[in-house]
Amino acid sequence: SLRDLLATWFTTGLLQVERVTWQSPCEIGKIFLSEN
């Protein structure tokens, strides 16, 4: 079911909590570019 699928995607072991600042969009862009 959709609930089970979402539960596996969003398990606490797979999530990382990070502080969001005004620099965050720039950092996210750097990560995206380095992974592609």
PDB file of N, CA and C in Angstrom:
ATOM      1  N   SER A   1       0.839  -1.192   0.000  1.00  0.00           N
ATOM      2  CA  SER A   1       0.000   0.000   0.000  1.00  0.00           C
ATOM      3  C   SER A   1       0.880   1.250   0.000  1.00  0.00           C
ATOM      4  N   LEU A   2       0.265   2.359  -0.281  1.00  0.00           N
ATOM      5  CA  LEU A   2       0.999   3.631  -0.308  1.00  0.00           C
ATOM      6  C   LEU A   2       1.596   3.938   1.063  1.00  0.00           C
ATOM      7  N   ARG A   3       0.850   3.639   2.096  1.00  0.00           N
ATOM      8  CA  ARG A   3       1.343   3.908   3.456  1.00  0.00           C
ATOM      9  C   ARG A   3       2.623   3.113   3.741  1.00  0.00           C
ATOM     10  N   ASP A   4       2.641   1.845   3.360  1.00  0.00           N
ATOM     11  CA  ASP A   4       3.823   1.012   3.581  1.00  0.00           C
ATOM     12  C   ASP A   4       5.012   1.515   2.766  1.00  0.00           C
ATOM     13  N   LEU A   5       4.753   1.912   1.531  1.00  0.00           N
ATOM     14  CA  LEU A   5       5.812   2.429   0.673  1.00  0.00           C
ATOM     15  C   LEU A   5       6.429   3.692   1.264  1.00  0.00           C
ATOM     16  N   LEU A   6       5.591   4.622   1.686  1.00  0.00           N
ATOM     17  CA  LEU A   6       6.092   5.859   2.281  1.00  0.00           C
ATOM     18  C   LEU A   6       6.821   5.587   3.589  1.00  0.00           C
ATOM     19  N   ALA A   7       6.353   4.618   4.348  1.00  0.00           N
ATOM     20  CA  ALA A   7       7.009   4.273   5.614  1.00  0.00           C
ATOM     21  C   ALA A   7       8.426   3.773   5.369  1.00  0.00           C
ATOM     22  N   THR A   8       8.640   3.010   4.304  1.00  0.00           N
ATOM     23  CA  THR A   8       9.994   2.526   4.021  1.00  0.00           C
ATOM     24  C   THR A   8      10.882   3.648   3.493  1.00  0.00           C
ATOM     25  N   TRP A   9      10.325   4.584   2.742  1.00  0.00           N
ATOM     26  CA  TRP A   9      11.111   5.708   2.221  1.00  0.00           C
ATOM     27  C   TRP A   9      11.551   6.646   3.329  1.00  0.00           C
ATOM     28  N   PHE A  10      10.688   6.832   4.323  1.00  0.00           N
ATOM     29  CA  PHE A  10      10.931   7.852   5.336  1.00  0.00           C
ATOM     30  C   PHE A  10      11.222   7.269   6.708  1.00  0.00           C
ATOM     31  N   THR A  11      11.922   6.140   6.756  1.00  0.00           N
ATOM     32  CA  THR A  11      12.330   5.595   8.041  1.00  0.00           C
ATOM     33  C   THR A  11      13.351   6.527   8.668  1.00  0.00           C
ATOM     34  N   THR A  12      13.346   6.595   9.980  1.00  0.00           N
ATOM     35  CA  THR A  12      14.234   7.537  10.666  1.00  0.00           C
ATOM     36  C   THR A  12      15.700   7.217  10.428  1.00  0.00           C
ATOM     37  N   GLY A  13      16.032   5.977  10.139  1.00  0.00           N
ATOM     38  CA  GLY A  13      17.418   5.618   9.879  1.00  0.00           C
ATOM     39  C   GLY A  13      17.951   6.185   8.585  1.00  0.00           C
ATOM     40  N   LEU A  14      17.063   6.509   7.648  1.00  0.00           N
ATOM     41  CA  LEU A  14      17.491   7.012   6.351  1.00  0.00           C
ATOM     42  C   LEU A  14      17.459   8.533   6.260  1.00  0.00           C
ATOM     43  N   LEU A  15      16.855   9.183   7.240  1.00  0.00           N
ATOM     44  CA  LEU A  15      16.719  10.639   7.184  1.00  0.00           C
ATOM     45  C   LEU A  15      17.873  11.325   7.891  1.00  0.00           C
ATOM     46  N   GLN A  16      18.269  12.461   7.363  1.00  0.00           N
ATOM     47  CA  GLN A  16      19.263  13.306   8.010  1.00  0.00           C
ATOM     48  C   GLN A  16      18.621  14.657   8.258  1.00  0.00           C
ATOM     49  N   VAL A  17      18.699  15.130   9.494  1.00  0.00           N
ATOM     50  CA  VAL A  17      18.153  16.435   9.841  1.00  0.00           C
ATOM     51  C   VAL A  17      19.301  17.427   9.819  1.00  0.00           C
ATOM     52  N   GLU A  18      19.119  18.494   9.078  1.00  0.00           N
ATOM     53  CA  GLU A  18      20.160  19.509   8.974  1.00  0.00           C
ATOM     54  C   GLU A  18      19.549  20.891   9.143  1.00  0.00           C
ATOM     55  N   ARG A  19      20.357  21.803   9.652  1.00  0.00           N
ATOM     56  CA  ARG A  19      19.915  23.188   9.825  1.00  0.00           C
ATOM     57  C   ARG A  19      19.760  23.838   8.451  1.00  0.00           C
ATOM     58  N   VAL A  20      18.669  24.561   8.268  1.00  0.00           N
ATOM     59  CA  VAL A  20      18.420  25.262   7.013  1.00  0.00           C
ATOM     60  C   VAL A  20      18.734  26.738   7.233  1.00  0.00           C
ATOM     61  N   THR A  21      19.636  27.265   6.397  1.00  0.00           N
ATOM     62  CA  THR A  21      20.018  28.672   6.486  1.00  0.00           C
ATOM     63  C   THR A  21      19.888  29.304   5.106  1.00  0.00           C
ATOM     64  N   TRP A  22      20.249  30.567   5.010  1.00  0.00           N
ATOM     65  CA  TRP A  22      20.194  31.241   3.709  1.00  0.00           C
ATOM     66  C   TRP A  22      21.215  30.653   2.745  1.00  0.00           C
ATOM     67  N   GLN A  23      22.256  29.998   3.258  1.00  0.00           N
ATOM     68  CA  GLN A  23      23.261  29.358   2.425  1.00  0.00           C
ATOM     69  C   GLN A  23      22.796  27.997   1.915  1.00  0.00           C
ATOM     70  N   SER A  24      21.752  27.451   2.500  1.00  0.00           N
ATOM     71  CA  SER A  24      21.305  26.092   2.178  1.00  0.00           C
ATOM     72  C   SER A  24      21.080  25.851   0.691  1.00  0.00           C
ATOM     73  N   PRO A  25      20.393  26.747  -0.055  1.00  0.00           N
ATOM     74  CA  PRO A  25      20.197  26.469  -1.483  1.00  0.00           C
ATOM     75  C   PRO A  25      21.518  26.301  -2.233  1.00  0.00           C
ATOM     76  N   CYS A  26      22.514  27.083  -1.865  1.00  0.00           N
ATOM     77  CA  CYS A  26      23.825  26.978  -2.507  1.00  0.00           C
ATOM     78  C   CYS A  26      24.464  25.631  -2.182  1.00  0.00           C
ATOM     79  N   GLU A  27      24.383  25.215  -0.934  1.00  0.00           N
ATOM     80  CA  GLU A  27      24.967  23.939  -0.521  1.00  0.00           C
ATOM     81  C   GLU A  27      24.247  22.776  -1.184  1.00  0.00           C
ATOM     82  N   ILE A  28      22.936  22.857  -1.274  1.00  0.00           N
ATOM     83  CA  ILE A  28      22.163  21.800  -1.934  1.00  0.00           C
ATOM     84  C   ILE A  28      22.563  21.708  -3.402  1.00  0.00           C
ATOM     85  N   GLY A  29      22.776  22.846  -4.040  1.00  0.00           N
ATOM     86  CA  GLY A  29      23.207  22.855  -5.439  1.00  0.00           C
ATOM     87  C   GLY A  29      24.568  22.200  -5.614  1.00  0.00           C
ATOM     88  N   LYS A  30      25.491  22.462  -4.679  1.00  0.00           N
ATOM     89  CA  LYS A  30      26.816  21.844  -4.739  1.00  0.00           C
ATOM     90  C   LYS A  30      26.716  20.328  -4.606  1.00  0.00           C
ATOM     91  N   ILE A  31      25.888  19.866  -3.687  1.00  0.00           N
ATOM     92  CA  ILE A  31      25.711  18.420  -3.495  1.00  0.00           C
ATOM     93  C   ILE A  31      25.122  17.802  -4.749  1.00  0.00           C
ATOM     94  N   PHE A  32      24.119  18.451  -5.309  1.00  0.00           N
ATOM     95  CA  PHE A  32      23.473  17.936  -6.516  1.00  0.00           C
ATOM     96  C   PHE A  32      24.475  17.819  -7.659  1.00  0.00           C
ATOM     97  N   LEU A  33      25.283  18.855  -7.847  1.00  0.00           N
ATOM     98  CA  LEU A  33      26.258  18.840  -8.939  1.00  0.00           C
ATOM     99  C   LEU A  33      27.346  17.794  -8.723  1.00  0.00           C
ATOM    100  N   SER A  34      27.728  17.574  -7.478  1.00  0.00           N
ATOM    101  CA  SER A  34      28.787  16.592  -7.217  1.00  0.00           C
ATOM    102  C   SER A  34      28.296  15.157  -7.385  1.00  0.00           C
ATOM    103  N   GLU A  35      26.992  14.930  -7.237  1.00  0.00           N
ATOM    104  CA  GLU A  35      26.452  13.574  -7.368  1.00  0.00           C
ATOM    105  C   GLU A  35      26.100  13.228  -8.802  1.00  0.00           C
ATOM    106  N   ASN A  36      26.046  14.197  -9.680  1.00  0.00           N
ATOM    107  CA  ASN A  36      25.679  13.917 -11.078  1.00  0.00           C
ATOM    108  C   ASN A  36      26.834  13.983 -12.003  1.00  0.00           C
TER     109      ASN A  36
END
